[in-house]
Every structure is written in C-alpha cells, then in structure tokens.
N, C-alpha and C. Protein backbone atom coordinates (compact mmCIF):
# COMPACT_ATOMS: atom_id res chain seq x y z
N MET A 1 -38.66 21.08 62.38
CA MET A 1 -37.94 19.89 61.97
C MET A 1 -38.65 19.25 60.78
N LEU A 2 -37.88 18.86 59.79
CA LEU A 2 -38.46 18.23 58.61
C LEU A 2 -38.93 16.82 58.92
N HIS A 3 -40.00 16.40 58.26
CA HIS A 3 -40.44 15.02 58.38
C HIS A 3 -39.46 14.11 57.66
N THR A 4 -39.25 12.93 58.21
CA THR A 4 -38.42 11.94 57.52
C THR A 4 -39.27 11.27 56.44
N TRP A 5 -38.62 10.56 55.54
CA TRP A 5 -39.35 9.86 54.49
C TRP A 5 -40.26 8.79 55.11
N LEU A 6 -39.82 8.19 56.23
CA LEU A 6 -40.63 7.17 56.89
C LEU A 6 -41.90 7.78 57.49
N GLU A 7 -41.75 8.96 58.11
CA GLU A 7 -42.92 9.65 58.67
C GLU A 7 -43.90 10.04 57.56
N ASP A 8 -43.36 10.53 56.44
CA ASP A 8 -44.22 10.89 55.31
C ASP A 8 -44.94 9.67 54.76
N ALA A 9 -44.20 8.57 54.59
CA ALA A 9 -44.80 7.35 54.04
C ALA A 9 -45.89 6.83 54.96
N HIS A 10 -45.65 6.85 56.25
CA HIS A 10 -46.65 6.39 57.22
C HIS A 10 -47.90 7.25 57.14
N ALA A 11 -47.73 8.57 57.09
CA ALA A 11 -48.88 9.48 57.03
C ALA A 11 -49.65 9.31 55.73
N LEU A 12 -48.94 9.13 54.61
CA LEU A 12 -49.61 8.96 53.33
C LEU A 12 -50.45 7.68 53.31
N ILE A 13 -49.88 6.61 53.83
CA ILE A 13 -50.60 5.33 53.82
C ILE A 13 -51.75 5.36 54.81
N ALA A 14 -51.48 5.77 56.05
CA ALA A 14 -52.53 5.80 57.08
C ALA A 14 -53.64 6.77 56.69
N GLY A 15 -53.27 7.97 56.25
CA GLY A 15 -54.27 8.96 55.86
C GLY A 15 -55.14 8.48 54.71
N SER A 16 -54.51 7.87 53.72
CA SER A 16 -55.27 7.36 52.57
C SER A 16 -56.20 6.23 52.98
N LEU A 17 -55.75 5.36 53.87
CA LEU A 17 -56.60 4.26 54.34
C LEU A 17 -57.79 4.78 55.14
N PHE A 18 -57.57 5.79 55.98
CA PHE A 18 -58.67 6.40 56.73
C PHE A 18 -59.71 6.97 55.77
N VAL A 19 -59.22 7.73 54.77
CA VAL A 19 -60.14 8.31 53.78
C VAL A 19 -60.90 7.21 53.05
N ALA A 20 -60.19 6.17 52.63
CA ALA A 20 -60.84 5.08 51.89
C ALA A 20 -61.89 4.38 52.74
N LEU A 21 -61.60 4.14 54.02
CA LEU A 21 -62.59 3.48 54.88
C LEU A 21 -63.81 4.37 55.08
N GLY A 22 -63.59 5.67 55.30
CA GLY A 22 -64.71 6.59 55.43
C GLY A 22 -65.55 6.65 54.17
N MET A 23 -64.89 6.68 53.01
CA MET A 23 -65.62 6.69 51.73
C MET A 23 -66.39 5.38 51.53
N THR A 24 -65.82 4.28 51.96
CA THR A 24 -66.50 2.98 51.86
C THR A 24 -67.76 2.98 52.72
N MET A 25 -67.68 3.56 53.91
CA MET A 25 -68.86 3.67 54.76
C MET A 25 -69.91 4.55 54.10
N PHE A 26 -69.49 5.67 53.53
CA PHE A 26 -70.43 6.55 52.83
C PHE A 26 -71.11 5.81 51.69
N ALA A 27 -70.32 5.09 50.88
CA ALA A 27 -70.88 4.37 49.74
C ALA A 27 -71.87 3.31 50.18
N HIS A 28 -71.54 2.58 51.25
CA HIS A 28 -72.44 1.53 51.73
C HIS A 28 -73.77 2.11 52.21
N ALA A 29 -73.70 3.29 52.83
CA ALA A 29 -74.91 3.92 53.36
C ALA A 29 -75.65 4.76 52.31
N GLY A 30 -75.09 4.86 51.10
CA GLY A 30 -75.73 5.65 50.05
C GLY A 30 -75.57 7.15 50.23
N LEU A 31 -74.50 7.56 50.91
CA LEU A 31 -74.28 8.97 51.20
C LEU A 31 -73.42 9.61 50.12
N LEU A 32 -73.30 10.91 50.20
CA LEU A 32 -72.46 11.69 49.30
C LEU A 32 -71.46 12.48 50.13
N THR A 33 -70.54 13.09 49.45
CA THR A 33 -69.67 14.06 50.08
C THR A 33 -69.45 15.16 49.05
N GLY A 34 -68.63 16.11 49.38
CA GLY A 34 -68.44 17.23 48.47
C GLY A 34 -67.29 17.03 47.52
N GLY A 35 -67.01 18.06 46.75
CA GLY A 35 -65.87 18.08 45.87
C GLY A 35 -65.89 16.99 44.82
N VAL A 36 -64.70 16.59 44.39
CA VAL A 36 -64.55 15.57 43.36
C VAL A 36 -65.14 14.24 43.82
N ALA A 37 -64.95 13.91 45.09
CA ALA A 37 -65.51 12.66 45.61
C ALA A 37 -67.03 12.66 45.50
N GLY A 38 -67.67 13.80 45.75
CA GLY A 38 -69.11 13.89 45.63
C GLY A 38 -69.58 13.66 44.20
N VAL A 39 -68.86 14.23 43.25
CA VAL A 39 -69.20 14.02 41.85
C VAL A 39 -68.98 12.55 41.48
N ALA A 40 -67.92 11.96 42.03
CA ALA A 40 -67.65 10.54 41.77
C ALA A 40 -68.75 9.66 42.36
N PHE A 41 -69.26 10.01 43.55
CA PHE A 41 -70.38 9.26 44.13
C PHE A 41 -71.62 9.37 43.26
N LEU A 42 -71.93 10.57 42.78
CA LEU A 42 -73.09 10.75 41.90
C LEU A 42 -72.95 9.90 40.63
N ALA A 43 -71.74 9.89 40.06
CA ALA A 43 -71.50 9.07 38.87
C ALA A 43 -71.66 7.59 39.18
N LYS A 44 -71.17 7.17 40.35
CA LYS A 44 -71.31 5.77 40.76
C LYS A 44 -72.78 5.39 40.91
N TYR A 45 -73.56 6.23 41.60
CA TYR A 45 -74.97 5.93 41.82
C TYR A 45 -75.76 5.94 40.51
N ALA A 46 -75.34 6.80 39.56
CA ALA A 46 -76.06 6.90 38.30
C ALA A 46 -75.75 5.75 37.35
N THR A 47 -74.50 5.25 37.40
CA THR A 47 -74.07 4.24 36.44
C THR A 47 -73.89 2.84 37.03
N GLY A 48 -73.69 2.77 38.35
CA GLY A 48 -73.40 1.48 38.97
C GLY A 48 -71.94 1.07 38.85
N LEU A 49 -71.12 1.93 38.22
CA LEU A 49 -69.70 1.62 38.08
C LEU A 49 -68.95 1.99 39.35
N ASN A 50 -67.68 1.66 39.37
CA ASN A 50 -66.87 1.78 40.58
C ASN A 50 -66.56 3.23 40.96
N PHE A 51 -66.75 3.56 42.23
CA PHE A 51 -66.42 4.89 42.74
C PHE A 51 -64.95 5.22 42.54
N GLY A 52 -64.07 4.26 42.85
CA GLY A 52 -62.63 4.49 42.77
C GLY A 52 -62.18 4.93 41.40
N LEU A 53 -62.75 4.35 40.36
CA LEU A 53 -62.40 4.73 38.99
C LEU A 53 -62.78 6.18 38.71
N PHE A 54 -64.03 6.55 39.06
CA PHE A 54 -64.47 7.93 38.85
C PHE A 54 -63.63 8.91 39.68
N PHE A 55 -63.36 8.55 40.91
CA PHE A 55 -62.59 9.42 41.80
C PHE A 55 -61.21 9.71 41.20
N PHE A 56 -60.56 8.67 40.70
CA PHE A 56 -59.23 8.84 40.12
C PHE A 56 -59.29 9.72 38.87
N LEU A 57 -60.22 9.42 37.96
CA LEU A 57 -60.31 10.17 36.70
C LEU A 57 -60.69 11.63 36.93
N PHE A 58 -61.65 11.88 37.83
CA PHE A 58 -62.09 13.25 38.06
C PHE A 58 -61.04 14.08 38.80
N SER A 59 -60.12 13.42 39.49
CA SER A 59 -59.07 14.14 40.23
C SER A 59 -57.93 14.60 39.33
N LEU A 60 -57.75 13.94 38.20
CA LEU A 60 -56.58 14.22 37.35
C LEU A 60 -56.41 15.68 36.95
N PRO A 61 -57.47 16.40 36.52
CA PRO A 61 -57.25 17.79 36.09
C PRO A 61 -56.70 18.70 37.19
N PHE A 62 -57.02 18.42 38.44
CA PHE A 62 -56.57 19.29 39.52
C PHE A 62 -55.06 19.18 39.76
N PHE A 63 -54.44 18.15 39.23
CA PHE A 63 -53.00 18.01 39.41
C PHE A 63 -52.22 19.03 38.59
N VAL A 64 -52.87 19.64 37.59
CA VAL A 64 -52.23 20.73 36.85
C VAL A 64 -52.02 21.91 37.78
N LEU A 65 -53.06 22.32 38.51
CA LEU A 65 -52.94 23.39 39.50
C LEU A 65 -51.89 23.02 40.54
N SER A 66 -51.94 21.78 41.00
CA SER A 66 -51.00 21.32 42.01
C SER A 66 -49.56 21.43 41.53
N TRP A 67 -49.30 21.00 40.30
CA TRP A 67 -47.95 20.99 39.76
C TRP A 67 -47.37 22.41 39.70
N PHE A 68 -48.17 23.36 39.22
CA PHE A 68 -47.67 24.71 39.01
C PHE A 68 -47.74 25.60 40.24
N GLN A 69 -48.66 25.33 41.15
CA GLN A 69 -48.84 26.21 42.31
C GLN A 69 -48.33 25.62 43.63
N LEU A 70 -48.32 24.30 43.75
CA LEU A 70 -47.94 23.69 45.03
C LEU A 70 -46.67 22.86 44.95
N GLY A 71 -46.16 22.63 43.75
CA GLY A 71 -44.87 21.98 43.60
C GLY A 71 -44.92 20.50 43.31
N ARG A 72 -43.76 19.97 42.90
CA ARG A 72 -43.67 18.58 42.50
C ARG A 72 -43.90 17.62 43.68
N GLU A 73 -43.28 17.95 44.83
CA GLU A 73 -43.41 17.05 45.98
C GLU A 73 -44.87 16.87 46.38
N PHE A 74 -45.58 17.99 46.52
CA PHE A 74 -47.00 17.93 46.88
C PHE A 74 -47.78 17.15 45.83
N THR A 75 -47.48 17.39 44.57
CA THR A 75 -48.21 16.73 43.48
C THR A 75 -47.97 15.22 43.49
N PHE A 76 -46.73 14.81 43.63
CA PHE A 76 -46.43 13.37 43.65
C PHE A 76 -47.07 12.67 44.84
N LYS A 77 -46.95 13.29 46.02
CA LYS A 77 -47.56 12.70 47.22
C LYS A 77 -49.08 12.61 47.07
N SER A 78 -49.67 13.67 46.53
CA SER A 78 -51.12 13.69 46.36
C SER A 78 -51.58 12.68 45.32
N PHE A 79 -50.81 12.54 44.25
CA PHE A 79 -51.15 11.55 43.23
C PHE A 79 -51.12 10.15 43.84
N PHE A 80 -50.11 9.87 44.66
CA PHE A 80 -50.03 8.58 45.34
C PHE A 80 -51.24 8.37 46.24
N ALA A 81 -51.63 9.40 47.00
CA ALA A 81 -52.77 9.28 47.91
C ALA A 81 -54.07 9.03 47.13
N VAL A 82 -54.27 9.76 46.04
CA VAL A 82 -55.48 9.57 45.22
C VAL A 82 -55.51 8.16 44.65
N ALA A 83 -54.37 7.70 44.15
CA ALA A 83 -54.30 6.35 43.58
C ALA A 83 -54.60 5.31 44.65
N LEU A 84 -54.04 5.48 45.85
CA LEU A 84 -54.26 4.51 46.93
C LEU A 84 -55.72 4.51 47.39
N VAL A 85 -56.32 5.68 47.53
CA VAL A 85 -57.74 5.75 47.91
C VAL A 85 -58.59 5.09 46.83
N SER A 86 -58.27 5.35 45.57
CA SER A 86 -59.04 4.76 44.47
C SER A 86 -58.97 3.24 44.48
N VAL A 87 -57.77 2.70 44.65
CA VAL A 87 -57.60 1.24 44.69
C VAL A 87 -58.30 0.65 45.91
N CYS A 88 -58.10 1.27 47.07
CA CYS A 88 -58.69 0.73 48.31
C CYS A 88 -60.21 0.75 48.28
N THR A 89 -60.81 1.81 47.75
CA THR A 89 -62.27 1.84 47.68
C THR A 89 -62.79 0.85 46.65
N ALA A 90 -61.97 0.57 45.63
CA ALA A 90 -62.39 -0.41 44.62
C ALA A 90 -62.39 -1.83 45.18
N VAL A 91 -61.42 -2.16 46.01
CA VAL A 91 -61.33 -3.53 46.55
C VAL A 91 -62.04 -3.68 47.89
N ALA A 92 -62.42 -2.57 48.51
CA ALA A 92 -63.04 -2.63 49.85
C ALA A 92 -64.25 -3.54 49.94
N PRO A 93 -65.17 -3.54 48.96
CA PRO A 93 -66.33 -4.42 49.07
C PRO A 93 -65.96 -5.91 49.19
N LYS A 94 -64.76 -6.27 48.73
CA LYS A 94 -64.32 -7.66 48.85
C LYS A 94 -63.63 -7.93 50.18
N LEU A 95 -63.27 -6.86 50.89
CA LEU A 95 -62.51 -7.02 52.13
C LEU A 95 -63.26 -6.59 53.38
N VAL A 96 -64.22 -5.68 53.21
CA VAL A 96 -64.95 -5.14 54.36
C VAL A 96 -66.44 -5.31 54.10
N ARG A 97 -67.15 -5.81 55.08
CA ARG A 97 -68.59 -5.98 54.92
C ARG A 97 -69.30 -5.37 56.12
N PHE A 98 -70.33 -4.58 55.84
CA PHE A 98 -71.16 -4.00 56.88
C PHE A 98 -72.53 -4.68 56.78
N GLU A 99 -72.82 -5.56 57.71
CA GLU A 99 -74.14 -6.21 57.70
C GLU A 99 -75.24 -5.19 57.97
N PHE A 100 -74.94 -4.26 58.86
CA PHE A 100 -75.88 -3.17 59.13
C PHE A 100 -75.07 -1.94 59.47
N LEU A 101 -75.34 -0.85 58.80
CA LEU A 101 -74.66 0.41 59.07
C LEU A 101 -75.68 1.53 58.97
N ASN A 102 -76.04 2.08 60.11
CA ASN A 102 -77.00 3.18 60.14
C ASN A 102 -76.42 4.38 59.40
N PRO A 103 -77.17 4.97 58.47
CA PRO A 103 -76.63 6.10 57.68
C PRO A 103 -76.22 7.30 58.53
N TRP A 104 -76.92 7.55 59.64
CA TRP A 104 -76.54 8.68 60.50
C TRP A 104 -75.19 8.41 61.15
N LEU A 105 -74.98 7.17 61.61
CA LEU A 105 -73.68 6.80 62.18
C LEU A 105 -72.61 6.86 61.11
N ALA A 106 -72.92 6.36 59.92
CA ALA A 106 -71.95 6.38 58.82
C ALA A 106 -71.54 7.82 58.49
N SER A 107 -72.51 8.75 58.54
CA SER A 107 -72.19 10.14 58.20
C SER A 107 -71.21 10.74 59.20
N VAL A 108 -71.41 10.46 60.49
CA VAL A 108 -70.54 11.03 61.51
C VAL A 108 -69.20 10.29 61.58
N LEU A 109 -69.25 8.97 61.75
CA LEU A 109 -68.03 8.19 61.89
C LEU A 109 -67.21 8.21 60.59
N GLY A 110 -67.89 8.02 59.45
CA GLY A 110 -67.19 8.10 58.17
C GLY A 110 -66.60 9.48 57.94
N GLY A 111 -67.35 10.52 58.31
CA GLY A 111 -66.85 11.89 58.18
C GLY A 111 -65.62 12.15 59.02
N PHE A 112 -65.64 11.65 60.26
CA PHE A 112 -64.46 11.81 61.12
C PHE A 112 -63.25 11.06 60.56
N LEU A 113 -63.47 9.85 60.05
CA LEU A 113 -62.37 9.09 59.46
C LEU A 113 -61.78 9.83 58.27
N ILE A 114 -62.65 10.33 57.39
CA ILE A 114 -62.16 11.08 56.23
C ILE A 114 -61.43 12.34 56.69
N GLY A 115 -62.00 13.05 57.66
CA GLY A 115 -61.37 14.27 58.16
C GLY A 115 -59.99 14.02 58.74
N PHE A 116 -59.85 12.98 59.57
CA PHE A 116 -58.54 12.67 60.15
C PHE A 116 -57.56 12.19 59.08
N GLY A 117 -58.07 11.46 58.09
CA GLY A 117 -57.20 11.05 56.99
C GLY A 117 -56.69 12.24 56.20
N LEU A 118 -57.58 13.17 55.90
CA LEU A 118 -57.17 14.39 55.19
C LEU A 118 -56.19 15.20 56.01
N LEU A 119 -56.43 15.28 57.32
CA LEU A 119 -55.53 16.01 58.21
C LEU A 119 -54.13 15.41 58.18
N ALA A 120 -54.03 14.08 58.25
CA ALA A 120 -52.72 13.42 58.19
C ALA A 120 -52.02 13.74 56.88
N LEU A 121 -52.77 13.70 55.79
CA LEU A 121 -52.17 13.99 54.48
C LEU A 121 -51.72 15.45 54.39
N LEU A 122 -52.58 16.38 54.78
CA LEU A 122 -52.24 17.79 54.68
C LEU A 122 -51.04 18.16 55.53
N ARG A 123 -50.94 17.55 56.71
CA ARG A 123 -49.80 17.84 57.58
C ARG A 123 -48.49 17.29 57.05
N HIS A 124 -48.59 16.42 56.07
CA HIS A 124 -47.37 15.88 55.45
C HIS A 124 -47.28 16.30 53.99
N HIS A 125 -47.87 17.46 53.71
CA HIS A 125 -47.75 18.11 52.40
C HIS A 125 -48.29 17.23 51.28
N ALA A 126 -49.55 16.77 51.46
CA ALA A 126 -50.23 15.96 50.45
C ALA A 126 -51.72 16.19 50.59
N SER A 127 -52.49 15.64 49.65
CA SER A 127 -53.94 15.73 49.71
C SER A 127 -54.53 14.58 48.91
N VAL A 128 -55.86 14.55 48.85
CA VAL A 128 -56.52 13.55 47.99
C VAL A 128 -57.11 14.23 46.76
N GLY A 129 -56.45 15.25 46.29
CA GLY A 129 -56.80 15.86 45.02
C GLY A 129 -58.02 16.75 45.06
N GLY A 130 -58.43 17.19 43.88
CA GLY A 130 -59.65 17.96 43.72
C GLY A 130 -59.69 19.23 44.54
N VAL A 131 -60.81 19.42 45.21
CA VAL A 131 -61.02 20.62 46.02
C VAL A 131 -59.99 20.69 47.14
N ASN A 132 -59.51 19.55 47.58
CA ASN A 132 -58.47 19.51 48.61
C ASN A 132 -57.21 20.26 48.14
N ILE A 133 -56.86 20.09 46.87
CA ILE A 133 -55.72 20.82 46.30
C ILE A 133 -56.02 22.31 46.27
N LEU A 134 -57.22 22.67 45.82
CA LEU A 134 -57.61 24.07 45.78
C LEU A 134 -57.60 24.69 47.17
N ALA A 135 -58.13 23.96 48.17
CA ALA A 135 -58.17 24.47 49.55
C ALA A 135 -56.77 24.66 50.11
N GLN A 136 -55.88 23.72 49.83
CA GLN A 136 -54.50 23.83 50.31
C GLN A 136 -53.80 25.03 49.67
N TRP A 137 -54.03 25.25 48.37
CA TRP A 137 -53.42 26.39 47.69
C TRP A 137 -53.96 27.71 48.25
N LEU A 138 -55.29 27.78 48.47
CA LEU A 138 -55.87 29.00 49.02
C LEU A 138 -55.35 29.30 50.42
N GLN A 139 -55.11 28.23 51.21
CA GLN A 139 -54.56 28.45 52.55
C GLN A 139 -53.14 28.98 52.48
N GLN A 140 -52.33 28.39 51.61
CA GLN A 140 -50.93 28.82 51.50
C GLN A 140 -50.79 30.19 50.84
N ALA A 141 -51.57 30.44 49.79
CA ALA A 141 -51.41 31.68 49.02
C ALA A 141 -52.20 32.85 49.59
N LYS A 142 -53.40 32.58 50.12
CA LYS A 142 -54.28 33.66 50.54
C LYS A 142 -54.58 33.68 52.04
N GLY A 143 -54.17 32.62 52.76
CA GLY A 143 -54.41 32.58 54.20
C GLY A 143 -55.79 32.11 54.61
N PHE A 144 -56.58 31.60 53.65
CA PHE A 144 -57.89 31.07 54.00
C PHE A 144 -57.74 29.73 54.71
N SER A 145 -58.66 29.42 55.60
CA SER A 145 -58.65 28.14 56.28
C SER A 145 -59.01 27.03 55.30
N ALA A 146 -58.13 26.03 55.17
CA ALA A 146 -58.40 24.90 54.26
C ALA A 146 -59.68 24.18 54.68
N GLY A 147 -59.90 24.05 55.99
CA GLY A 147 -61.09 23.36 56.48
C GLY A 147 -62.37 24.09 56.12
N LYS A 148 -62.35 25.42 56.24
CA LYS A 148 -63.55 26.19 55.92
C LYS A 148 -63.84 26.19 54.43
N VAL A 149 -62.80 26.26 53.61
CA VAL A 149 -62.98 26.18 52.16
C VAL A 149 -63.57 24.82 51.80
N GLN A 150 -62.97 23.76 52.35
CA GLN A 150 -63.43 22.40 52.05
C GLN A 150 -64.88 22.22 52.48
N MET A 151 -65.22 22.65 53.71
CA MET A 151 -66.57 22.48 54.22
C MET A 151 -67.57 23.25 53.37
N SER A 152 -67.24 24.46 52.97
CA SER A 152 -68.16 25.27 52.16
C SER A 152 -68.45 24.61 50.82
N VAL A 153 -67.41 24.17 50.14
CA VAL A 153 -67.60 23.53 48.83
C VAL A 153 -68.36 22.22 49.00
N ASP A 154 -68.01 21.46 50.03
CA ASP A 154 -68.68 20.17 50.27
C ASP A 154 -70.18 20.34 50.46
N ILE A 155 -70.56 21.33 51.25
CA ILE A 155 -71.99 21.54 51.52
C ILE A 155 -72.73 21.95 50.25
N VAL A 156 -72.10 22.81 49.43
CA VAL A 156 -72.73 23.21 48.17
C VAL A 156 -72.93 22.01 47.26
N VAL A 157 -71.90 21.17 47.12
CA VAL A 157 -72.01 20.00 46.25
C VAL A 157 -73.07 19.04 46.76
N VAL A 158 -73.09 18.82 48.07
CA VAL A 158 -74.06 17.89 48.65
C VAL A 158 -75.48 18.41 48.46
N LEU A 159 -75.69 19.70 48.65
CA LEU A 159 -77.04 20.26 48.49
C LEU A 159 -77.52 20.19 47.04
N THR A 160 -76.61 20.29 46.07
CA THR A 160 -77.02 20.17 44.67
C THR A 160 -77.48 18.74 44.35
N ALA A 161 -77.12 17.79 45.21
CA ALA A 161 -77.52 16.40 44.99
C ALA A 161 -79.00 16.17 45.29
N LEU A 162 -79.71 17.18 45.78
CA LEU A 162 -81.14 17.05 46.06
C LEU A 162 -81.92 16.63 44.82
N MET A 163 -81.37 16.91 43.65
CA MET A 163 -82.04 16.54 42.40
C MET A 163 -81.93 15.04 42.12
N VAL A 164 -80.99 14.37 42.78
CA VAL A 164 -80.71 12.97 42.46
C VAL A 164 -80.98 12.03 43.64
N VAL A 165 -80.72 12.51 44.85
CA VAL A 165 -80.74 11.66 46.04
C VAL A 165 -81.88 12.10 46.96
N PRO A 166 -82.54 11.16 47.66
CA PRO A 166 -83.60 11.54 48.59
C PRO A 166 -83.13 12.55 49.64
N ALA A 167 -84.04 13.40 50.08
CA ALA A 167 -83.70 14.49 51.01
C ALA A 167 -83.06 13.98 52.29
N GLU A 168 -83.52 12.82 52.81
CA GLU A 168 -82.94 12.30 54.05
C GLU A 168 -81.47 11.95 53.85
N ARG A 169 -81.15 11.37 52.70
CA ARG A 169 -79.74 11.03 52.41
C ARG A 169 -78.90 12.29 52.27
N VAL A 170 -79.49 13.34 51.68
CA VAL A 170 -78.77 14.60 51.55
C VAL A 170 -78.51 15.18 52.94
N ALA A 171 -79.51 15.14 53.83
CA ALA A 171 -79.33 15.64 55.20
C ALA A 171 -78.22 14.86 55.91
N GLN A 172 -78.21 13.55 55.74
CA GLN A 172 -77.17 12.73 56.35
C GLN A 172 -75.81 13.07 55.75
N SER A 173 -75.78 13.34 54.46
CA SER A 173 -74.54 13.69 53.79
C SER A 173 -74.02 15.05 54.25
N VAL A 174 -74.93 15.99 54.52
CA VAL A 174 -74.51 17.29 55.05
C VAL A 174 -73.86 17.11 56.41
N VAL A 175 -74.42 16.23 57.25
CA VAL A 175 -73.80 15.93 58.55
C VAL A 175 -72.39 15.39 58.34
N GLY A 176 -72.22 14.51 57.36
CA GLY A 176 -70.90 13.98 57.05
C GLY A 176 -69.93 15.06 56.60
N ALA A 177 -70.41 15.97 55.74
CA ALA A 177 -69.57 17.07 55.26
C ALA A 177 -69.14 17.97 56.42
N VAL A 178 -70.07 18.23 57.35
CA VAL A 178 -69.74 19.05 58.52
C VAL A 178 -68.71 18.33 59.39
N ALA A 179 -68.86 17.01 59.55
CA ALA A 179 -67.91 16.24 60.36
C ALA A 179 -66.51 16.31 59.75
N ILE A 180 -66.41 16.18 58.44
CA ILE A 180 -65.11 16.28 57.75
C ILE A 180 -64.53 17.68 57.94
N GLY A 181 -65.34 18.68 57.62
CA GLY A 181 -64.88 20.07 57.69
C GLY A 181 -64.50 20.51 59.09
N ALA A 182 -65.24 20.02 60.09
CA ALA A 182 -64.94 20.40 61.48
C ALA A 182 -63.56 19.91 61.90
N ILE A 183 -63.22 18.68 61.52
CA ILE A 183 -61.89 18.16 61.85
C ILE A 183 -60.81 19.04 61.24
N LEU A 184 -60.99 19.41 59.98
CA LEU A 184 -59.99 20.23 59.31
C LEU A 184 -59.97 21.66 59.83
N ALA A 185 -61.15 22.25 60.02
CA ALA A 185 -61.22 23.65 60.46
C ALA A 185 -60.62 23.82 61.85
N LEU A 186 -60.81 22.84 62.72
CA LEU A 186 -60.30 22.95 64.09
C LEU A 186 -58.83 22.58 64.21
N ASN A 187 -58.33 21.80 63.27
CA ASN A 187 -56.98 21.25 63.44
C ASN A 187 -55.98 21.61 62.37
N HIS A 188 -56.42 22.18 61.25
CA HIS A 188 -55.47 22.51 60.18
C HIS A 188 -55.65 23.95 59.76
N ARG A 189 -54.84 24.80 60.33
CA ARG A 189 -54.82 26.20 59.94
C ARG A 189 -53.42 26.75 60.18
N PRO A 190 -53.08 27.85 59.51
CA PRO A 190 -51.74 28.40 59.65
C PRO A 190 -51.37 28.64 61.11
N GLY A 191 -50.16 28.22 61.50
CA GLY A 191 -49.70 28.41 62.86
C GLY A 191 -50.12 27.35 63.84
N ARG A 192 -51.07 26.48 63.46
CA ARG A 192 -51.55 25.46 64.38
C ARG A 192 -50.55 24.32 64.51
N TYR A 193 -49.88 24.01 63.42
CA TYR A 193 -48.99 22.85 63.38
C TYR A 193 -47.65 23.33 62.86
N LEU A 194 -46.58 23.05 63.58
CA LEU A 194 -45.29 23.61 63.24
C LEU A 194 -44.43 22.69 62.39
N GLY A 195 -44.81 21.43 62.24
CA GLY A 195 -44.03 20.51 61.42
C GLY A 195 -44.11 20.88 59.96
N VAL A 196 -43.05 20.62 59.22
CA VAL A 196 -43.04 20.90 57.78
C VAL A 196 -42.66 19.66 57.02
C-alpha cells in the first residue's frame, strides 16, 4: 500500500526533528558523526560557525546523484529533510538547553535518535543527504545494506578526526556511529519493510 501524503509529511517532519535533536546533543557534547554531517561538525569546531549552514552546503552536491539515480520524489523529500535539519540545528541552541549532558550518554541516546530519524525518512523514500543518499542508492541498485554502508563510512570519517579531536571524544563518537548504524542495519534492509 502506498503511503499517503499525510503519512509522508509526518515521517519527514518527525524524522528530521529526531535527527536534528540527536545532532544537537552531539554538538553540545563535542562529538562527531560520519559522512557529510561529520565534515560539517569538523568545520563547525574549526571555525565556530553554525553546523546547520555547513551541513546544508556540504549536502548540496549529493543531490545530483539523487536526482539522476533515485528520482525527483526522493530528491525533493531529501532536500526538504536536509533543509529542516539545518534550520532546526541552527535554532536549537535558542530552544533547547542541556545544563549537563554526559558525552557517553549523548553518543548513545543521540545516536539512537539520529538512527530512528533516518529510519523514518528512508522508509518514506527520503534521506538527509550525503552518504545517506549514496547508501540508499547502493541498497536499491546493488542490494547492499544501507545501514552497513552508513556505519562503515561513519566509522572511517570519525576515526580520521583523531587529528583534530581528542581521542576520548573520537571513542565516544565511534559509539554514536555504531548506535546510528545499528538502528539502520537491524531495521532497514530489503524485504524487512513492505511499505512503499
């Protein structure tokens, strides 16, 4: 059965908000993640500028692959999700405050939030851009698990951050990447979900 526009809209908004809240927790704890978001975090930490701005700009080139390989619907939905995550992470410091947030808790809880947000988006034919688009294409075209692709790239990106971020933060970030990837690997694979 096809999703209705209301179901798609709900998933896009809820999934994007989950991702944004998880990213806000990561940013507050000084953590990283993989893919485009990881590069955006590194740029934020290096310059002090807004994560949301970097995330949006760094995601734009991947929409070319999305447009030609995954279609207009996926591209439009994903562009909306990226824009919403970018805006929400930009305004989050004015709306959400963590007086104390243990980085280990942030890595697990933030990772689960991001993972469930990505799962909601992927199940409604959308993503938050970047490696997520590549992982979705590889799953559809080649049968690779989107979760395993995402987790592998995330861990590589996080480990390269050892040159910039203290080792303990990198270890906490790896835990976060595993939390994100585990949600996707266990719940998003061909044949697991029958909705289209």
